[in-house]
């Protein structure tokens, strides 16, 4: 795997180049974890041919990377939080960060330079509380018990579950629609009963969350967009 920067139009695009013995044709996709494009080449294809293909898809690349550009979290930024838009409102003095549903504002008390950190800390805590509440309800349905719920740093995985009953969720899920978050929680909670991805496992997931197919499709098509809030 190789990483380079390429210029398309007037923009510099991070490009990840992969050689694959299984690939039958050149393909492009957005990276799930980074604001970059992944170019997959069959083993016998040259990089020059790959770059030619990339340039032929410049409109797609610009549209997707622009859409996926990093969002600056600061005073006045509007964020989707569990499916609802909230605008960040920084306040002077001391106070507890909170959501105000009436004004659709996320209120944070801090100096201007600490807005991003304060907002992220609040959202990670909010997500953890939401995942704990929903996860325990799902676990009760299965006759199982969750020992702990934590949030993780951004990665290519949305959640994990270990044999000790500890569930971990990617904090960026706080920016997803609530229904999608519920699917990921159902997926990880189902591992308390089936620590695999067998047909039995998927039956457990669908018992907890019937719209599994739609949720998986949403994550496949839109999951990379959540990384713009990193």
Protein backbone atom coordinates (compact mmCIF):
# COMPACT_ATOMS: atom_id res chain seq x y z
CA UNK A 1 0.00 0.00 0.00
CA UNK A 2 1.28 3.43 -0.96
CA UNK A 3 0.04 6.91 -0.07
CA UNK A 4 0.57 9.97 -2.24
CA UNK A 5 -1.05 13.35 -2.86
CA UNK A 6 -2.46 14.07 -6.33
CA UNK A 7 -3.77 17.32 -7.79
CA UNK A 8 -7.20 17.29 -9.39
CA UNK A 9 -8.51 20.64 -10.55
CA UNK A 10 -7.25 23.11 -7.96
CA UNK A 11 -7.35 20.68 -5.07
CA UNK A 12 -4.86 18.29 -3.51
CA UNK A 13 -6.38 14.87 -2.89
CA UNK A 14 -4.81 12.21 -0.59
CA UNK A 15 -4.64 8.97 -2.58
CA UNK A 16 -4.12 5.46 -1.21
CA UNK A 17 -2.84 2.99 -3.84
CA UNK A 18 -3.50 -0.74 -3.38
CA UNK A 19 -2.27 -3.61 -5.53
CA UNK A 20 -4.56 -6.63 -5.43
CA UNK A 21 -4.05 -10.09 -6.92
CA UNK A 22 -7.83 -10.57 -6.74
CA UNK A 23 -8.83 -7.36 -8.52
CA UNK A 24 -9.90 -7.82 -12.14
CA UNK A 25 -10.24 -4.13 -12.91
CA UNK A 26 -9.17 -0.73 -11.62
CA UNK A 27 -11.55 0.73 -9.05
CA UNK A 28 -11.99 3.80 -6.87
CA UNK A 29 -13.70 4.22 -3.51
CA UNK A 30 -13.71 6.60 -0.58
CA UNK A 31 -11.65 5.54 2.42
CA UNK A 32 -13.87 4.70 5.38
CA UNK A 33 -11.51 6.15 7.95
CA UNK A 34 -9.70 8.99 6.19
CA UNK A 35 -10.51 11.89 3.92
CA UNK A 36 -8.89 10.19 0.94
CA UNK A 37 -9.56 8.13 -2.16
CA UNK A 38 -8.48 4.49 -2.49
CA UNK A 39 -7.26 3.40 -5.92
CA UNK A 40 -7.17 -0.40 -6.33
CA UNK A 41 -5.04 -1.79 -9.17
CA UNK A 42 -4.86 -5.34 -10.53
CA UNK A 43 -1.37 -6.73 -10.05
CA UNK A 44 -0.32 -6.13 -13.68
CA UNK A 45 -1.74 -2.62 -14.01
CA UNK A 46 0.74 0.26 -13.85
CA UNK A 47 0.42 3.29 -11.61
CA UNK A 48 0.32 5.50 -14.74
CA UNK A 49 -2.75 3.61 -15.96
CA UNK A 50 -4.32 3.98 -12.54
CA UNK A 51 -3.72 7.75 -12.49
CA UNK A 52 -5.27 7.97 -15.96
CA UNK A 53 -8.34 6.20 -14.64
CA UNK A 54 -8.39 8.52 -11.60
CA UNK A 55 -8.32 11.59 -13.83
CA UNK A 56 -11.17 10.22 -15.94
CA UNK A 57 -13.24 10.08 -12.74
CA UNK A 58 -12.24 13.58 -11.57
CA UNK A 59 -15.82 14.82 -11.26
CA UNK A 60 -16.70 11.93 -8.93
CA UNK A 61 -13.52 12.42 -6.89
CA UNK A 62 -14.09 16.16 -6.43
CA UNK A 63 -17.76 15.72 -5.54
CA UNK A 64 -17.08 13.05 -2.94
CA UNK A 65 -13.98 14.53 -1.33
CA UNK A 66 -15.54 17.98 -1.15
CA UNK A 67 -18.55 16.47 0.55
CA UNK A 68 -16.22 14.61 2.88
CA UNK A 69 -14.03 17.62 3.72
CA UNK A 70 -13.25 18.12 7.40
CA UNK A 71 -15.76 20.19 9.37
CA UNK A 72 -14.29 22.74 11.77
CA UNK A 73 -16.03 22.41 15.12
CA UNK A 74 -16.25 25.92 16.52
CA UNK A 75 -18.73 28.54 17.72
CA UNK A 76 -21.57 28.72 15.17
CA UNK A 77 -20.96 25.31 13.57
CA UNK A 78 -24.12 23.26 13.04
CA UNK A 79 -23.77 19.54 13.76
CA UNK A 80 -26.15 16.60 13.30
CA UNK A 81 -26.44 15.09 16.78
CA UNK A 82 -28.33 11.79 16.95
CA UNK A 83 -30.20 12.83 13.82
CA UNK A 84 -31.10 16.40 14.84
CA UNK A 85 -29.23 19.62 13.90
CA UNK A 86 -27.74 21.65 16.74
CA UNK A 87 -25.70 24.85 16.41
CA UNK A 88 -22.77 25.32 18.77
CA UNK A 89 -23.14 28.33 21.07
CA UNK A 90 -20.07 29.24 23.12
CA UNK A 91 -20.66 31.03 26.38
CA UNK A 92 -18.27 32.79 28.75
CA UNK A 93 -18.03 31.76 32.37
CA UNK A 94 -18.60 28.38 33.96
CA UNK A 95 -21.41 25.99 33.23
CA UNK A 96 -22.29 22.46 32.16
CA UNK A 97 -22.37 21.73 28.43
CA UNK A 98 -25.87 20.76 27.32
CA UNK A 99 -28.29 20.52 24.41
CA UNK A 100 -31.14 23.02 24.26
CA UNK A 101 -33.89 21.40 22.12
CA UNK A 102 -35.98 24.60 22.13
CA UNK A 103 -33.28 26.68 20.43
CA UNK A 104 -31.54 23.73 18.70
CA UNK A 105 -28.26 24.79 20.30
CA UNK A 106 -25.38 22.94 21.91
CA UNK A 107 -24.27 25.24 24.72
CA UNK A 108 -20.63 25.07 25.84
CA UNK A 109 -18.85 27.22 28.41
CA UNK A 110 -15.18 27.78 27.60
CA UNK A 111 -12.62 30.02 26.00
CA UNK A 112 -12.82 30.19 22.16
CA UNK A 113 -9.72 28.03 21.66
CA UNK A 114 -11.25 25.15 23.63
CA UNK A 115 -14.59 24.87 21.81
CA UNK A 116 -13.69 21.84 19.69
CA UNK A 117 -12.31 19.84 22.62
CA UNK A 118 -15.22 20.74 24.90
CA UNK A 119 -17.80 19.82 22.25
CA UNK A 120 -16.15 16.48 21.49
CA UNK A 121 -15.90 15.61 25.19
CA UNK A 122 -19.60 16.36 25.60
CA UNK A 123 -20.61 14.34 22.53
CA UNK A 124 -18.54 11.31 23.57
CA UNK A 125 -20.25 11.33 26.97
CA UNK A 126 -23.66 11.76 25.34
CA UNK A 127 -23.04 8.85 22.99
CA UNK A 128 -21.83 6.63 25.82
CA UNK A 129 -24.99 7.34 27.81
CA UNK A 130 -27.21 6.64 24.79
CA UNK A 131 -25.41 3.41 23.92
CA UNK A 132 -25.58 2.25 27.53
CA UNK A 133 -29.33 2.87 27.77
CA UNK A 134 -30.21 1.21 24.44
CA UNK A 135 -27.65 -1.56 24.84
CA UNK A 136 -29.00 -2.59 28.24
CA UNK A 137 -32.53 -2.75 26.83
CA UNK A 138 -31.33 -4.99 23.99
CA UNK A 139 -29.27 -7.14 26.36
CA UNK A 140 -32.30 -7.60 28.64
CA UNK A 141 -34.27 -8.88 25.64
CA UNK A 142 -31.57 -11.50 25.08
CA UNK A 143 -31.25 -12.42 28.72
CA UNK A 144 -27.68 -11.14 28.72
CA UNK A 145 -25.75 -8.45 30.60
CA UNK A 146 -23.49 -5.66 29.45
CA UNK A 147 -20.68 -5.03 31.92
CA UNK A 148 -19.42 -1.76 30.45
CA UNK A 149 -19.88 0.64 27.52
CA UNK A 150 -17.08 2.88 26.24
CA UNK A 151 -16.51 5.17 23.27
CA UNK A 152 -13.49 4.71 21.05
CA UNK A 153 -11.38 6.96 18.88
CA UNK A 154 -12.33 7.19 15.23
CA UNK A 155 -11.42 4.08 13.25
CA UNK A 156 -12.77 1.95 10.44
CA UNK A 157 -14.86 -0.08 12.92
CA UNK A 158 -18.14 1.22 14.28
CA UNK A 159 -18.22 -1.01 17.33
CA UNK A 160 -16.80 -4.03 19.12
CA UNK A 161 -17.89 -6.49 21.79
CA UNK A 162 -15.57 -8.70 23.81
CA UNK A 163 -16.16 -11.90 25.75
CA UNK A 164 -16.33 -9.97 29.03
CA UNK A 165 -19.41 -8.06 27.93
CA UNK A 166 -17.61 -4.78 27.23
CA UNK A 167 -19.08 -2.87 24.27
CA UNK A 168 -17.09 -0.15 22.52
CA UNK A 169 -18.53 2.30 20.00
CA UNK A 170 -16.88 4.71 17.57
CA UNK A 171 -17.74 8.17 18.95
CA UNK A 172 -18.47 9.47 15.42
CA UNK A 173 -21.75 7.53 15.55
CA UNK A 174 -23.14 10.49 17.50
CA UNK A 175 -23.41 12.23 14.10
CA UNK A 176 -25.41 9.40 12.51
CA UNK A 177 -29.23 9.16 12.49
CA UNK A 178 -30.42 7.58 15.71
CA UNK A 179 -31.85 4.59 13.84
CA UNK A 180 -28.37 3.79 12.50
CA UNK A 181 -26.88 4.04 15.98
CA UNK A 182 -29.54 1.63 17.23
CA UNK A 183 -28.55 -0.86 14.52
CA UNK A 184 -24.86 -0.73 15.52
CA UNK A 185 -25.80 -1.19 19.17
CA UNK A 186 -28.02 -4.15 18.24
CA UNK A 187 -25.17 -5.64 16.19
CA UNK A 188 -22.67 -5.46 19.03
CA UNK A 189 -25.16 -6.54 21.70
CA UNK A 190 -26.03 -9.61 19.60
CA UNK A 191 -22.41 -10.70 20.01
CA UNK A 192 -23.16 -11.31 23.68
CA UNK A 193 -25.18 -14.29 22.46
CA UNK A 194 -23.30 -15.21 19.27
CA UNK A 195 -19.61 -14.20 19.16
CA UNK A 196 -19.45 -14.66 15.37
CA UNK A 197 -21.20 -13.58 12.18
CA UNK A 198 -23.06 -16.83 11.51
CA UNK A 199 -26.68 -17.03 10.29
CA UNK A 200 -27.68 -17.48 13.95
CA UNK A 201 -25.96 -14.21 14.79
CA UNK A 202 -27.88 -12.29 12.12
CA UNK A 203 -31.12 -13.80 13.38
CA UNK A 204 -30.34 -12.35 16.81
CA UNK A 205 -29.55 -8.93 15.30
CA UNK A 206 -32.83 -8.92 13.38
CA UNK A 207 -34.71 -9.84 16.53
CA UNK A 208 -33.36 -6.65 18.10
CA UNK A 209 -33.40 -4.49 14.99
CA UNK A 210 -35.60 -5.65 12.05
CA UNK A 211 -34.36 -3.06 9.50
CA UNK A 212 -30.86 -4.53 9.39
CA UNK A 213 -30.51 -4.45 5.59
CA UNK A 214 -31.39 -0.76 5.30
CA UNK A 215 -29.06 0.21 8.14
CA UNK A 216 -26.13 -1.74 6.69
CA UNK A 217 -26.74 -0.09 3.31
CA UNK A 218 -26.77 3.35 4.93
CA UNK A 219 -23.44 2.72 6.65
CA UNK A 220 -21.89 1.39 3.45
CA UNK A 221 -23.00 4.41 1.42
CA UNK A 222 -22.70 7.15 4.04
CA UNK A 223 -20.43 5.90 6.81
CA UNK A 224 -17.37 7.65 5.41
CA UNK A 225 -19.18 10.97 5.74
CA UNK A 226 -19.07 10.75 9.54
CA UNK A 227 -15.26 11.05 9.46
CA UNK A 228 -15.45 14.68 8.38
CA UNK A 229 -16.21 15.53 12.02
CA UNK A 230 -12.93 14.07 13.34
